[in-house]
Amino acid sequence: MLDAPKGLEYWKEGKNGDYIDPEVPEWAKKEYLEYMKLMTPKTDKDGTTKLY
């Protein structure tokens, strides 16, 4: 299980999905991007979708 992000208070929810406030510290932006990359489903060449 993943630990809760330290910069979670900077995450916002909009009508087009989640985003991070552009005025936050760089470490929080990096953390957000890394977390979103982990949570994005990946489809391999056989059409199997995996969520890590």
C-alpha atoms as a PDB file:
ATOM      1  CA  MET A   1       0.000   0.000   0.000  1.00  0.00           C
ATOM      2  CA  LEU A   2       1.230   3.499  -0.790  1.00  0.00           C
ATOM      3  CA  ASP A   3       1.724   6.068   1.921  1.00  0.00           C
ATOM      4  CA  ALA A   4      -0.488   9.131   1.738  1.00  0.00           C
ATOM      5  CA  PRO A   5       1.228  11.951  -0.177  1.00  0.00           C
ATOM      6  CA  LYS A   6       2.813  14.607   2.065  1.00  0.00           C
ATOM      7  CA  GLY A   7       1.569  17.381  -0.219  1.00  0.00           C
ATOM      8  CA  LEU A   8      -2.024  16.186  -0.361  1.00  0.00           C
ATOM      9  CA  GLU A   9      -3.314  19.540   0.912  1.00  0.00           C
ATOM     10  CA  TYR A  10      -2.111  21.097  -2.368  1.00  0.00           C
ATOM     11  CA  TRP A  11      -4.196  18.758  -4.514  1.00  0.00           C
ATOM     12  CA  LYS A  12      -7.373  20.240  -5.926  1.00  0.00           C
ATOM     13  CA  GLU A  13     -10.436  18.705  -7.496  1.00  0.00           C
ATOM     14  CA  GLY A  14     -11.903  20.439 -10.527  1.00  0.00           C
ATOM     15  CA  LYS A  15     -14.709  19.651 -12.921  1.00  0.00           C
ATOM     16  CA  ASN A  16     -12.153  18.173 -15.362  1.00  0.00           C
ATOM     17  CA  GLY A  17     -10.405  16.059 -12.737  1.00  0.00           C
ATOM     18  CA  ASP A  18      -7.694  16.456 -10.145  1.00  0.00           C
ATOM     19  CA  TYR A  19      -4.894  18.981 -10.447  1.00  0.00           C
ATOM     20  CA  ILE A  20      -2.249  20.622  -8.305  1.00  0.00           C
ATOM     21  CA  ASP A  21      -2.098  24.317  -7.560  1.00  0.00           C
ATOM     22  CA  PRO A  22       0.663  25.869  -9.746  1.00  0.00           C
ATOM     23  CA  GLU A  23       1.892  28.010  -6.828  1.00  0.00           C
ATOM     24  CA  VAL A  24       2.994  25.079  -4.636  1.00  0.00           C
ATOM     25  CA  PRO A  25       6.599  24.090  -3.834  1.00  0.00           C
ATOM     26  CA  GLU A  26       8.468  22.081  -6.469  1.00  0.00           C
ATOM     27  CA  TRP A  27       8.671  19.001  -4.238  1.00  0.00           C
ATOM     28  CA  ALA A  28       4.861  18.881  -4.065  1.00  0.00           C
ATOM     29  CA  LYS A  29       4.534  19.152  -7.860  1.00  0.00           C
ATOM     30  CA  LYS A  30       7.039  16.335  -8.326  1.00  0.00           C
ATOM     31  CA  GLU A  31       5.282  14.173  -5.749  1.00  0.00           C
ATOM     32  CA  TYR A  32       1.912  14.765  -7.440  1.00  0.00           C
ATOM     33  CA  LEU A  33       3.241  13.829 -10.893  1.00  0.00           C
ATOM     34  CA  GLU A  34       4.931  10.677  -9.575  1.00  0.00           C
ATOM     35  CA  TYR A  35       1.791   9.617  -7.717  1.00  0.00           C
ATOM     36  CA  MET A  36      -0.439  10.225 -10.743  1.00  0.00           C
ATOM     37  CA  LYS A  37       1.955   8.225 -12.920  1.00  0.00           C
ATOM     38  CA  LEU A  38       1.609   5.288 -10.525  1.00  0.00           C
ATOM     39  CA  MET A  39      -2.182   5.570 -10.532  1.00  0.00           C
ATOM     40  CA  THR A  40      -2.560   5.754 -14.322  1.00  0.00           C
ATOM     41  CA  PRO A  41      -3.605   2.398 -15.830  1.00  0.00           C
ATOM     42  CA  LYS A  42      -1.176   0.999 -18.402  1.00  0.00           C
ATOM     43  CA  THR A  43      -2.241  -1.162 -21.354  1.00  0.00           C
ATOM     44  CA  ASP A  44       0.301  -3.573 -22.823  1.00  0.00           C
ATOM     45  CA  LYS A  45       0.521  -4.707 -26.453  1.00  0.00           C
ATOM     46  CA  ASP A  46      -1.900  -7.587 -25.731  1.00  0.00           C
ATOM     47  CA  GLY A  47      -4.573  -5.176 -24.530  1.00  0.00           C
ATOM     48  CA  THR A  48      -4.232  -6.096 -20.852  1.00  0.00           C
ATOM     49  CA  THR A  49      -4.598  -3.105 -18.550  1.00  0.00           C
ATOM     50  CA  LYS A  50      -2.564  -3.054 -15.366  1.00  0.00           C
ATOM     51  CA  LEU A  51      -2.819  -0.716 -12.423  1.00  0.00           C
ATOM     52  CA  TYR A  52       0.215  -0.705 -10.145  1.00  0.00           C
END
